[in-house]
Amino acid sequence: MCACILKMLQHVVFYWKVVTVHLYRNIDTHCYIAELARAEASQIEEQRAFATIGRTYFCQAESIVNDDESYKSSLLNAKKSYKKSLDLCER
């Protein structure tokens, strides 16, 4: 019984590591997309990229368990990205 629970916990830890890596990669990808949209003067795509970045940071914050500073940092980054997205909507 204990070996089965240990194996299950190992899968859970592995899954969270994979999710965290993908969240950071997604942020980098969407930042790149925002840069491309800005270079092409595509305000709609830039706005969408910042909204997606905000959502990705928000999901990242939800996945943080024991690190209060990382949690606050991710939420602050989400707020900043959402704000940039809304600012672009108002232009």
N, C-alpha and C. Protein backbone atom coordinates (compact mmCIF):
# COMPACT_ATOMS: atom_id res chain seq x y z
N MET A 1 0.83 -1.19 0.00
CA MET A 1 0.00 0.00 0.00
C MET A 1 0.87 1.25 0.00
N CYS A 2 1.91 1.31 0.82
CA CYS A 2 2.78 2.49 0.91
C CYS A 2 3.54 2.73 -0.39
N ALA A 3 3.97 1.67 -1.03
CA ALA A 3 4.70 1.81 -2.30
C ALA A 3 3.79 2.40 -3.37
N CYS A 4 2.54 2.02 -3.34
CA CYS A 4 1.57 2.53 -4.31
C CYS A 4 1.33 4.03 -4.09
N ILE A 5 1.22 4.44 -2.85
CA ILE A 5 1.02 5.85 -2.53
C ILE A 5 2.26 6.65 -2.90
N LEU A 6 3.44 6.12 -2.61
CA LEU A 6 4.69 6.79 -2.96
C LEU A 6 4.79 6.98 -4.47
N LYS A 7 4.46 5.95 -5.21
CA LYS A 7 4.50 6.03 -6.67
C LYS A 7 3.53 7.10 -7.18
N MET A 8 2.34 7.16 -6.59
CA MET A 8 1.35 8.15 -6.98
C MET A 8 1.87 9.57 -6.67
N LEU A 9 2.49 9.76 -5.53
CA LEU A 9 3.05 11.06 -5.18
C LEU A 9 4.17 11.47 -6.13
N GLN A 10 4.98 10.52 -6.54
CA GLN A 10 6.03 10.80 -7.51
C GLN A 10 5.44 11.28 -8.83
N HIS A 11 4.35 10.69 -9.25
CA HIS A 11 3.67 11.13 -10.48
C HIS A 11 3.13 12.55 -10.34
N VAL A 12 2.57 12.84 -9.17
CA VAL A 12 2.02 14.18 -8.93
C VAL A 12 3.14 15.22 -8.97
N VAL A 13 4.26 14.94 -8.31
CA VAL A 13 5.39 15.88 -8.31
C VAL A 13 5.92 16.06 -9.72
N PHE A 14 6.06 14.99 -10.47
CA PHE A 14 6.52 15.08 -11.85
C PHE A 14 5.56 15.93 -12.67
N TYR A 15 4.26 15.70 -12.52
CA TYR A 15 3.26 16.45 -13.27
C TYR A 15 3.39 17.95 -12.98
N TRP A 16 3.54 18.34 -11.71
CA TRP A 16 3.65 19.76 -11.37
C TRP A 16 4.93 20.37 -11.94
N LYS A 17 6.00 19.60 -11.98
CA LYS A 17 7.23 20.11 -12.59
C LYS A 17 7.03 20.36 -14.08
N VAL A 18 6.36 19.45 -14.76
CA VAL A 18 6.08 19.61 -16.19
C VAL A 18 5.20 20.83 -16.42
N VAL A 19 4.16 20.98 -15.62
CA VAL A 19 3.24 22.11 -15.76
C VAL A 19 4.00 23.42 -15.56
N THR A 20 4.85 23.50 -14.55
CA THR A 20 5.61 24.72 -14.27
C THR A 20 6.54 25.07 -15.42
N VAL A 21 7.23 24.09 -15.97
CA VAL A 21 8.13 24.33 -17.11
C VAL A 21 7.34 24.88 -18.29
N HIS A 22 6.18 24.28 -18.57
CA HIS A 22 5.37 24.74 -19.70
C HIS A 22 4.82 26.14 -19.48
N LEU A 23 4.47 26.47 -18.23
CA LEU A 23 3.97 27.82 -17.95
C LEU A 23 5.05 28.86 -18.24
N TYR A 24 6.30 28.58 -17.82
CA TYR A 24 7.37 29.53 -18.09
C TYR A 24 7.66 29.63 -19.58
N ARG A 25 7.63 28.53 -20.29
CA ARG A 25 7.85 28.56 -21.74
C ARG A 25 6.74 29.34 -22.44
N ASN A 26 5.51 29.15 -21.98
CA ASN A 26 4.39 29.87 -22.58
C ASN A 26 4.53 31.37 -22.40
N ILE A 27 5.00 31.80 -21.25
CA ILE A 27 5.19 33.23 -21.01
C ILE A 27 6.21 33.78 -22.00
N ASP A 28 7.31 33.08 -22.16
CA ASP A 28 8.34 33.52 -23.11
C ASP A 28 7.79 33.57 -24.53
N THR A 29 7.02 32.56 -24.91
CA THR A 29 6.44 32.52 -26.25
C THR A 29 5.48 33.67 -26.47
N HIS A 30 4.63 33.94 -25.51
CA HIS A 30 3.65 35.00 -25.67
C HIS A 30 4.29 36.39 -25.61
N CYS A 31 5.36 36.52 -24.85
CA CYS A 31 6.11 37.79 -24.86
C CYS A 31 6.70 38.03 -26.25
N TYR A 32 7.21 36.98 -26.85
CA TYR A 32 7.75 37.07 -28.21
C TYR A 32 6.65 37.46 -29.20
N ILE A 33 5.47 36.86 -29.04
CA ILE A 33 4.34 37.19 -29.91
C ILE A 33 3.93 38.64 -29.74
N ALA A 34 3.95 39.13 -28.50
CA ALA A 34 3.62 40.54 -28.23
C ALA A 34 4.63 41.46 -28.92
N GLU A 35 5.90 41.09 -28.87
CA GLU A 35 6.95 41.88 -29.55
C GLU A 35 6.72 41.90 -31.06
N LEU A 36 6.41 40.74 -31.62
CA LEU A 36 6.14 40.67 -33.06
C LEU A 36 4.92 41.52 -33.43
N ALA A 37 3.88 41.45 -32.63
CA ALA A 37 2.67 42.23 -32.90
C ALA A 37 2.97 43.72 -32.83
N ARG A 38 3.78 44.11 -31.86
CA ARG A 38 4.17 45.53 -31.73
C ARG A 38 4.97 45.96 -32.95
N ALA A 39 5.87 45.12 -33.39
CA ALA A 39 6.71 45.45 -34.56
C ALA A 39 5.86 45.56 -35.82
N GLU A 40 4.80 44.77 -35.91
CA GLU A 40 3.91 44.80 -37.08
C GLU A 40 2.78 45.81 -36.91
N ALA A 41 2.78 46.51 -35.80
CA ALA A 41 1.73 47.50 -35.48
C ALA A 41 0.34 46.87 -35.47
N SER A 42 0.25 45.65 -34.96
CA SER A 42 -1.03 44.96 -34.85
C SER A 42 -1.50 45.06 -33.40
N GLN A 43 -2.26 46.09 -33.13
CA GLN A 43 -2.70 46.38 -31.77
C GLN A 43 -3.58 45.26 -31.21
N ILE A 44 -4.42 44.68 -32.05
CA ILE A 44 -5.31 43.61 -31.59
C ILE A 44 -4.50 42.39 -31.16
N GLU A 45 -3.52 42.00 -31.96
CA GLU A 45 -2.71 40.83 -31.60
C GLU A 45 -1.85 41.10 -30.37
N GLU A 46 -1.36 42.32 -30.25
CA GLU A 46 -0.58 42.69 -29.06
C GLU A 46 -1.47 42.62 -27.81
N GLN A 47 -2.69 43.12 -27.94
CA GLN A 47 -3.64 43.07 -26.82
C GLN A 47 -3.94 41.63 -26.43
N ARG A 48 -4.15 40.78 -27.43
CA ARG A 48 -4.42 39.36 -27.16
C ARG A 48 -3.23 38.69 -26.49
N ALA A 49 -2.04 39.03 -26.95
CA ALA A 49 -0.83 38.43 -26.35
C ALA A 49 -0.71 38.81 -24.88
N PHE A 50 -0.95 40.10 -24.55
CA PHE A 50 -0.86 40.51 -23.15
C PHE A 50 -1.95 39.88 -22.30
N ALA A 51 -3.15 39.70 -22.85
CA ALA A 51 -4.21 39.02 -22.11
C ALA A 51 -3.82 37.56 -21.83
N THR A 52 -3.20 36.92 -22.81
CA THR A 52 -2.76 35.54 -22.64
C THR A 52 -1.61 35.45 -21.65
N ILE A 53 -0.69 36.41 -21.69
CA ILE A 53 0.41 36.45 -20.72
C ILE A 53 -0.16 36.59 -19.31
N GLY A 54 -1.14 37.49 -19.16
CA GLY A 54 -1.77 37.66 -17.85
C GLY A 54 -2.40 36.37 -17.36
N ARG A 55 -3.10 35.68 -18.24
CA ARG A 55 -3.74 34.42 -17.87
C ARG A 55 -2.70 33.37 -17.50
N THR A 56 -1.61 33.35 -18.23
CA THR A 56 -0.55 32.37 -17.95
C THR A 56 0.07 32.64 -16.59
N TYR A 57 0.36 33.91 -16.28
CA TYR A 57 0.89 34.25 -14.95
C TYR A 57 -0.12 33.88 -13.86
N PHE A 58 -1.41 34.12 -14.12
CA PHE A 58 -2.43 33.78 -13.15
C PHE A 58 -2.46 32.27 -12.89
N CYS A 59 -2.40 31.48 -13.96
CA CYS A 59 -2.35 30.01 -13.81
C CYS A 59 -1.10 29.58 -13.07
N GLN A 60 0.00 30.26 -13.35
CA GLN A 60 1.25 29.96 -12.66
C GLN A 60 1.09 30.21 -11.16
N ALA A 61 0.45 31.33 -10.79
CA ALA A 61 0.23 31.64 -9.37
C ALA A 61 -0.63 30.56 -8.71
N GLU A 62 -1.63 30.09 -9.44
CA GLU A 62 -2.50 29.04 -8.88
C GLU A 62 -1.75 27.74 -8.63
N SER A 63 -0.67 27.51 -9.38
CA SER A 63 0.07 26.25 -9.23
C SER A 63 1.12 26.32 -8.13
N ILE A 64 1.39 27.50 -7.59
CA ILE A 64 2.41 27.66 -6.55
C ILE A 64 1.82 27.26 -5.21
N VAL A 65 2.55 26.40 -4.49
CA VAL A 65 2.02 25.86 -3.24
C VAL A 65 2.68 26.49 -2.02
N ASN A 66 3.99 26.48 -1.94
CA ASN A 66 4.66 26.84 -0.70
C ASN A 66 5.51 28.10 -0.77
N ASP A 67 5.47 28.85 -1.82
CA ASP A 67 6.36 30.00 -1.96
C ASP A 67 5.53 31.27 -2.10
N ASP A 68 5.36 31.96 -0.98
CA ASP A 68 4.51 33.14 -0.95
C ASP A 68 5.03 34.26 -1.86
N GLU A 69 6.35 34.42 -1.94
CA GLU A 69 6.94 35.48 -2.78
C GLU A 69 6.69 35.20 -4.26
N SER A 70 6.88 33.96 -4.68
CA SER A 70 6.62 33.61 -6.08
C SER A 70 5.15 33.78 -6.42
N TYR A 71 4.29 33.44 -5.48
CA TYR A 71 2.85 33.59 -5.67
C TYR A 71 2.50 35.06 -5.89
N LYS A 72 3.00 35.92 -5.00
CA LYS A 72 2.73 37.35 -5.11
C LYS A 72 3.32 37.93 -6.39
N SER A 73 4.51 37.48 -6.74
CA SER A 73 5.17 37.96 -7.95
C SER A 73 4.37 37.57 -9.20
N SER A 74 3.90 36.34 -9.25
CA SER A 74 3.11 35.89 -10.40
C SER A 74 1.80 36.66 -10.50
N LEU A 75 1.15 36.91 -9.35
CA LEU A 75 -0.09 37.68 -9.38
C LEU A 75 0.16 39.12 -9.82
N LEU A 76 1.27 39.70 -9.37
CA LEU A 76 1.61 41.07 -9.78
C LEU A 76 1.88 41.13 -11.28
N ASN A 77 2.61 40.15 -11.80
CA ASN A 77 2.87 40.08 -13.24
C ASN A 77 1.58 39.89 -14.03
N ALA A 78 0.66 39.08 -13.50
CA ALA A 78 -0.64 38.88 -14.16
C ALA A 78 -1.39 40.21 -14.22
N LYS A 79 -1.40 40.92 -13.11
CA LYS A 79 -2.09 42.21 -13.05
C LYS A 79 -1.50 43.21 -14.05
N LYS A 80 -0.17 43.27 -14.11
CA LYS A 80 0.50 44.19 -15.05
C LYS A 80 0.15 43.83 -16.50
N SER A 81 0.16 42.55 -16.81
CA SER A 81 -0.14 42.12 -18.18
C SER A 81 -1.60 42.40 -18.55
N TYR A 82 -2.51 42.12 -17.62
CA TYR A 82 -3.92 42.44 -17.87
C TYR A 82 -4.11 43.94 -18.07
N LYS A 83 -3.39 44.73 -17.28
CA LYS A 83 -3.49 46.20 -17.39
C LYS A 83 -3.01 46.66 -18.76
N LYS A 84 -1.88 46.09 -19.22
CA LYS A 84 -1.38 46.45 -20.55
C LYS A 84 -2.40 46.08 -21.62
N SER A 85 -3.03 44.92 -21.45
CA SER A 85 -4.03 44.47 -22.42
C SER A 85 -5.23 45.43 -22.43
N LEU A 86 -5.69 45.83 -21.26
CA LEU A 86 -6.82 46.76 -21.18
C LEU A 86 -6.45 48.15 -21.72
N ASP A 87 -5.23 48.58 -21.45
CA ASP A 87 -4.78 49.88 -21.98
C ASP A 87 -4.81 49.88 -23.51
N LEU A 88 -4.40 48.77 -24.11
CA LEU A 88 -4.45 48.65 -25.57
C LEU A 88 -5.88 48.67 -26.09
N CYS A 89 -6.81 48.14 -25.32
CA CYS A 89 -8.23 48.16 -25.72
C CYS A 89 -8.77 49.58 -25.74
N GLU A 90 -8.27 50.41 -24.84
CA GLU A 90 -8.78 51.78 -24.73
C GLU A 90 -8.21 52.72 -25.77
N ARG A 91 -7.20 52.31 -26.49
CA ARG A 91 -6.60 53.19 -27.51
C ARG A 91 -7.46 53.28 -28.75
